[in-house]
């Protein structure tokens, strides 16, 4: 995980369908901003700091497939 990457909330989590942009990564935590207001456990937020382990449980990396033009 790297600063600037966009990850998608996993199905079955409070973050399902939410796009999260990584603003910063430390040795233990990830600083995130969301594409919309998220109601996570009764708190409405547009970003948060969470542990890397929780982040990996709640989000999956968006994988873009590069197609051929011709």
N, C-alpha and C. Protein backbone atom coordinates (compact mmCIF):
# COMPACT_ATOMS: atom_id res chain seq x y z
N UNK A 1 0.83 -1.17 0.00
CA UNK A 1 0.00 0.00 0.00
C UNK A 1 0.88 1.23 0.00
N UNK A 2 0.44 2.20 -0.80
CA UNK A 2 1.23 3.42 -0.98
C UNK A 2 0.33 4.65 -1.01
N UNK A 3 0.89 5.78 -0.66
CA UNK A 3 0.17 7.04 -0.70
C UNK A 3 -0.37 7.29 -2.11
N UNK A 4 -1.63 7.71 -2.18
CA UNK A 4 -2.26 8.00 -3.46
C UNK A 4 -3.06 6.86 -4.06
N UNK A 5 -2.85 5.65 -3.56
CA UNK A 5 -3.62 4.51 -4.09
C UNK A 5 -5.08 4.62 -3.66
N UNK A 6 -5.96 4.07 -4.51
CA UNK A 6 -7.38 4.04 -4.20
C UNK A 6 -7.78 2.58 -3.99
N UNK A 7 -8.43 2.31 -2.86
CA UNK A 7 -8.90 0.97 -2.51
C UNK A 7 -10.41 1.01 -2.37
N UNK A 8 -11.05 -0.13 -2.54
CA UNK A 8 -12.51 -0.24 -2.48
C UNK A 8 -12.93 -1.02 -1.25
N UNK A 9 -13.96 -0.53 -0.55
CA UNK A 9 -14.47 -1.21 0.64
C UNK A 9 -15.02 -2.58 0.30
N UNK A 10 -14.68 -3.56 1.10
CA UNK A 10 -15.11 -4.94 0.87
C UNK A 10 -16.60 -5.10 1.17
N UNK A 11 -17.26 -5.98 0.42
CA UNK A 11 -18.65 -6.33 0.65
C UNK A 11 -18.79 -6.93 2.04
N UNK A 12 -19.86 -6.56 2.75
CA UNK A 12 -20.09 -7.09 4.09
C UNK A 12 -19.43 -6.30 5.19
N UNK A 13 -18.78 -5.19 4.85
CA UNK A 13 -18.16 -4.31 5.85
C UNK A 13 -18.91 -2.98 5.85
N UNK A 14 -18.72 -2.16 6.87
CA UNK A 14 -19.36 -0.83 6.86
C UNK A 14 -18.86 0.06 5.71
N UNK A 15 -17.78 -0.35 5.06
CA UNK A 15 -17.16 0.45 4.00
C UNK A 15 -17.49 -0.09 2.60
N UNK A 16 -18.43 -1.02 2.49
CA UNK A 16 -18.78 -1.64 1.21
C UNK A 16 -19.12 -0.57 0.16
N UNK A 17 -18.43 -0.64 -0.97
CA UNK A 17 -18.68 0.28 -2.07
C UNK A 17 -18.05 1.65 -1.94
N UNK A 18 -17.34 1.91 -0.87
CA UNK A 18 -16.69 3.20 -0.64
C UNK A 18 -15.29 3.17 -1.23
N UNK A 19 -14.92 4.23 -1.94
CA UNK A 19 -13.55 4.35 -2.44
C UNK A 19 -12.74 5.12 -1.40
N UNK A 20 -11.61 4.55 -1.00
CA UNK A 20 -10.74 5.17 -0.01
C UNK A 20 -9.40 5.48 -0.66
N UNK A 21 -8.96 6.71 -0.53
CA UNK A 21 -7.65 7.12 -1.02
C UNK A 21 -6.69 7.16 0.16
N UNK A 22 -5.53 6.54 -0.02
CA UNK A 22 -4.52 6.53 1.04
C UNK A 22 -3.79 7.87 1.02
N UNK A 23 -3.91 8.61 2.13
CA UNK A 23 -3.24 9.91 2.25
C UNK A 23 -1.85 9.78 2.86
N UNK A 24 -1.65 8.79 3.72
CA UNK A 24 -0.35 8.58 4.35
C UNK A 24 -0.30 7.17 4.92
N UNK A 25 0.90 6.61 5.00
CA UNK A 25 1.11 5.29 5.57
C UNK A 25 2.25 5.39 6.58
N UNK A 26 2.00 4.90 7.81
CA UNK A 26 3.05 4.83 8.81
C UNK A 26 3.36 3.35 9.05
N UNK A 27 4.22 3.06 10.00
CA UNK A 27 4.58 1.67 10.26
C UNK A 27 3.38 0.85 10.76
N UNK A 28 2.40 1.49 11.40
CA UNK A 28 1.24 0.77 11.92
C UNK A 28 -0.09 1.20 11.35
N UNK A 29 -0.19 2.44 10.90
CA UNK A 29 -1.49 3.00 10.52
C UNK A 29 -1.54 3.45 9.08
N UNK A 30 -2.79 3.63 8.62
CA UNK A 30 -3.07 4.17 7.29
C UNK A 30 -4.02 5.35 7.48
N UNK A 31 -3.70 6.49 6.86
CA UNK A 31 -4.56 7.67 6.91
C UNK A 31 -5.36 7.68 5.61
N UNK A 32 -6.70 7.72 5.73
CA UNK A 32 -7.58 7.58 4.58
C UNK A 32 -8.50 8.77 4.42
N UNK A 33 -8.91 9.03 3.17
CA UNK A 33 -10.02 9.93 2.89
C UNK A 33 -10.97 9.16 1.98
N UNK A 34 -12.26 9.39 2.17
CA UNK A 34 -13.29 8.65 1.44
C UNK A 34 -13.94 9.51 0.38
N UNK A 35 -14.55 8.86 -0.62
CA UNK A 35 -15.21 9.58 -1.70
C UNK A 35 -16.58 10.10 -1.30
N UNK A 36 -17.07 9.70 -0.13
CA UNK A 36 -18.36 10.17 0.39
C UNK A 36 -18.38 9.99 1.89
N UNK A 37 -19.42 10.48 2.53
CA UNK A 37 -19.56 10.34 3.98
C UNK A 37 -19.87 8.88 4.28
N UNK A 38 -19.15 8.33 5.26
CA UNK A 38 -19.29 6.93 5.65
C UNK A 38 -19.84 6.88 7.08
N UNK A 39 -20.83 6.01 7.29
CA UNK A 39 -21.35 5.79 8.64
C UNK A 39 -20.68 4.53 9.17
N UNK A 40 -19.58 4.71 9.86
CA UNK A 40 -18.80 3.58 10.38
C UNK A 40 -19.04 3.46 11.87
N UNK A 41 -19.82 2.46 12.25
CA UNK A 41 -20.09 2.19 13.66
C UNK A 41 -20.76 3.38 14.36
N UNK A 42 -21.70 4.02 13.65
CA UNK A 42 -22.45 5.11 14.23
C UNK A 42 -21.81 6.47 14.16
N UNK A 43 -20.64 6.56 13.55
CA UNK A 43 -19.94 7.83 13.41
C UNK A 43 -19.84 8.16 11.92
N UNK A 44 -20.30 9.35 11.54
CA UNK A 44 -20.19 9.76 10.15
C UNK A 44 -18.87 10.46 9.93
N UNK A 45 -18.15 10.02 8.89
CA UNK A 45 -16.81 10.55 8.65
C UNK A 45 -16.50 10.56 7.16
N UNK A 46 -15.57 11.43 6.75
CA UNK A 46 -15.10 11.44 5.36
C UNK A 46 -13.63 11.00 5.29
N UNK A 47 -13.14 10.47 6.40
CA UNK A 47 -11.78 9.97 6.45
C UNK A 47 -11.47 9.47 7.85
N UNK A 48 -10.39 8.72 7.97
CA UNK A 48 -10.01 8.23 9.29
C UNK A 48 -8.61 7.64 9.27
N UNK A 49 -8.11 7.38 10.44
CA UNK A 49 -6.84 6.68 10.62
C UNK A 49 -7.18 5.32 11.17
N UNK A 50 -6.69 4.27 10.52
CA UNK A 50 -6.92 2.92 11.04
C UNK A 50 -5.64 2.11 10.93
N UNK A 51 -5.59 1.03 11.70
CA UNK A 51 -4.40 0.18 11.64
C UNK A 51 -4.32 -0.46 10.27
N UNK A 52 -3.12 -0.84 9.87
CA UNK A 52 -2.94 -1.50 8.59
C UNK A 52 -3.69 -2.82 8.53
N UNK A 53 -3.72 -3.56 9.64
CA UNK A 53 -4.43 -4.84 9.67
C UNK A 53 -5.92 -4.66 9.43
N UNK A 54 -6.53 -3.67 10.11
CA UNK A 54 -7.95 -3.40 9.93
C UNK A 54 -8.21 -2.94 8.50
N UNK A 55 -7.35 -2.08 8.00
CA UNK A 55 -7.50 -1.58 6.64
C UNK A 55 -7.52 -2.73 5.64
N UNK A 56 -6.63 -3.68 5.78
CA UNK A 56 -6.57 -4.81 4.85
C UNK A 56 -7.79 -5.73 4.98
N UNK A 57 -8.42 -5.75 6.17
CA UNK A 57 -9.65 -6.53 6.34
C UNK A 57 -10.86 -5.82 5.73
N UNK A 58 -10.85 -4.50 5.76
CA UNK A 58 -12.01 -3.71 5.33
C UNK A 58 -11.98 -3.30 3.86
N UNK A 59 -10.79 -3.26 3.25
CA UNK A 59 -10.65 -2.76 1.88
C UNK A 59 -9.86 -3.73 1.02
N UNK A 60 -10.11 -3.64 -0.29
CA UNK A 60 -9.33 -4.41 -1.26
C UNK A 60 -8.84 -3.46 -2.34
N UNK A 61 -7.65 -3.74 -2.82
CA UNK A 61 -7.04 -2.86 -3.81
C UNK A 61 -7.76 -2.99 -5.14
N UNK A 62 -7.98 -1.85 -5.77
CA UNK A 62 -8.61 -1.84 -7.09
C UNK A 62 -7.53 -2.21 -8.09
N UNK A 63 -7.80 -3.22 -8.89
CA UNK A 63 -6.84 -3.66 -9.89
C UNK A 63 -7.36 -3.26 -11.27
N UNK A 64 -6.59 -2.46 -11.95
CA UNK A 64 -6.97 -2.03 -13.30
C UNK A 64 -6.29 -2.96 -14.29
N UNK A 65 -7.10 -3.43 -15.25
CA UNK A 65 -6.53 -4.26 -16.30
C UNK A 65 -6.28 -3.39 -17.51
N UNK A 66 -5.09 -3.50 -18.03
CA UNK A 66 -4.74 -2.71 -19.20
C UNK A 66 -5.09 -3.50 -20.45
N UNK A 67 -5.95 -2.96 -21.25
CA UNK A 67 -6.36 -3.64 -22.49
C UNK A 67 -5.58 -3.13 -23.68
N UNK A 68 -5.72 -3.87 -24.76
CA UNK A 68 -5.05 -3.46 -25.98
C UNK A 68 -5.94 -2.49 -26.76
N UNK A 69 -5.32 -1.51 -27.40
CA UNK A 69 -6.08 -0.54 -28.19
C UNK A 69 -6.42 -1.08 -29.57
N UNK A 70 -5.58 -1.92 -30.11
CA UNK A 70 -5.80 -2.45 -31.46
C UNK A 70 -5.79 -3.95 -31.45
